Amino acid sequence: MTAVQLNAELLRNMSIIAEDENLLKRASKYLRRLVAEKQADPTLLSKEEFFHRVDESKAQYLRGEYTRFSNKDEMNEWLNSL
């Protein structure tokens, strides 16, 4: 489902909820919780932050700044050393 479709569905549902004060209160409370979760989650990145990290990782790779493993045992040994 695209963002435009999701937005349209949200607005349709909100028009139904808007007729009932109790449902509006519940929806508002839930939306506040969703916003708080998003703000509290340090793993969420904006598009710009994500692509900046991708670009930086590509640059590091091109400079030869990466770790290579020949097999899973080498990888596990490296991970255990962290």
Protein backbone atom coordinates (compact mmCIF):
# COMPACT_ATOMS: atom_id res chain seq x y z
CA MET A 1 0.00 0.00 0.00
CA THR A 2 1.40 3.40 -0.95
CA ALA A 3 1.67 6.38 1.37
CA VAL A 4 -1.12 8.11 -0.57
CA GLN A 5 -3.41 5.09 -0.13
CA LEU A 6 -2.57 4.84 3.57
CA ASN A 7 -3.27 8.54 4.01
CA ALA A 8 -6.64 8.21 2.25
CA GLU A 9 -7.56 5.21 4.42
CA LEU A 10 -6.55 7.10 7.57
CA LEU A 11 -8.69 10.08 6.60
CA ARG A 12 -11.68 7.84 5.81
CA ASN A 13 -11.38 6.18 9.19
CA MET A 14 -10.92 9.51 10.96
CA SER A 15 -14.16 10.82 9.40
CA ILE A 16 -15.98 7.87 10.97
CA ILE A 17 -14.27 8.30 14.34
CA ALA A 18 -14.93 12.06 14.35
CA GLU A 19 -18.62 11.38 14.94
CA ASP A 20 -17.97 9.68 18.29
CA GLU A 21 -16.25 11.64 21.08
CA ASN A 22 -15.16 8.50 22.96
CA LEU A 23 -13.56 7.02 19.85
CA LEU A 24 -11.85 10.34 19.17
CA LYS A 25 -10.37 10.36 22.66
CA ARG A 26 -9.12 6.77 22.28
CA ALA A 27 -7.63 7.48 18.85
CA SER A 28 -5.92 10.61 20.14
CA LYS A 29 -4.44 8.73 23.09
CA TYR A 30 -3.15 5.98 20.80
CA LEU A 31 -1.64 8.48 18.35
CA ARG A 32 0.16 10.24 21.20
CA ARG A 33 1.67 6.88 22.20
CA LEU A 34 2.79 6.22 18.61
CA VAL A 35 4.46 9.62 18.40
CA ALA A 36 6.20 9.05 21.75
CA GLU A 37 7.47 5.65 20.55
CA LYS A 38 8.89 7.17 17.38
CA GLN A 39 10.61 9.94 19.29
CA ALA A 40 11.98 7.50 21.88
CA ASP A 41 13.33 4.95 19.37
CA PRO A 42 16.98 5.79 18.67
CA THR A 43 17.10 3.29 15.78
CA LEU A 44 14.65 5.27 13.64
CA LEU A 45 16.38 7.38 11.01
CA SER A 46 15.11 10.01 8.65
CA LYS A 47 15.58 9.35 4.94
CA GLU A 48 18.40 11.86 4.88
CA GLU A 49 20.20 10.22 7.82
CA PHE A 50 19.80 6.77 6.28
CA PHE A 51 21.20 7.77 2.88
CA HIS A 52 24.01 9.73 4.53
CA ARG A 53 25.04 6.54 6.35
CA VAL A 54 24.82 4.54 3.12
CA ASP A 55 27.01 7.10 1.32
CA GLU A 56 29.53 7.12 4.17
CA SER A 57 29.67 3.30 4.16
CA LYS A 58 30.31 3.28 0.41
CA ALA A 59 33.13 5.79 0.86
CA GLN A 60 34.68 3.67 3.63
CA TYR A 61 34.51 0.60 1.41
CA LEU A 62 36.19 2.44 -1.47
CA ARG A 63 38.96 3.55 0.92
CA GLY A 64 39.48 -0.09 1.91
CA GLU A 65 38.12 0.43 5.43
CA TYR A 66 36.22 -2.81 5.93
CA THR A 67 36.56 -6.26 7.45
CA ARG A 68 36.46 -9.39 5.29
CA PHE A 69 35.81 -12.95 6.44
CA SER A 70 36.64 -16.18 4.61
CA ASN A 71 34.22 -18.29 6.60
CA LYS A 72 31.69 -18.14 9.40
CA ASP A 73 34.23 -19.20 12.04
CA GLU A 74 36.35 -16.14 11.31
CA MET A 75 33.26 -13.95 11.51
CA ASN A 76 32.19 -15.50 14.83
CA GLU A 77 35.69 -15.09 16.22
CA TRP A 78 35.66 -11.40 15.26
CA LEU A 79 32.16 -10.90 16.72
CA ASN A 80 33.18 -12.58 19.99
CA SER A 81 36.18 -10.27 20.25
CA LEU A 82 33.96 -7.18 20.37
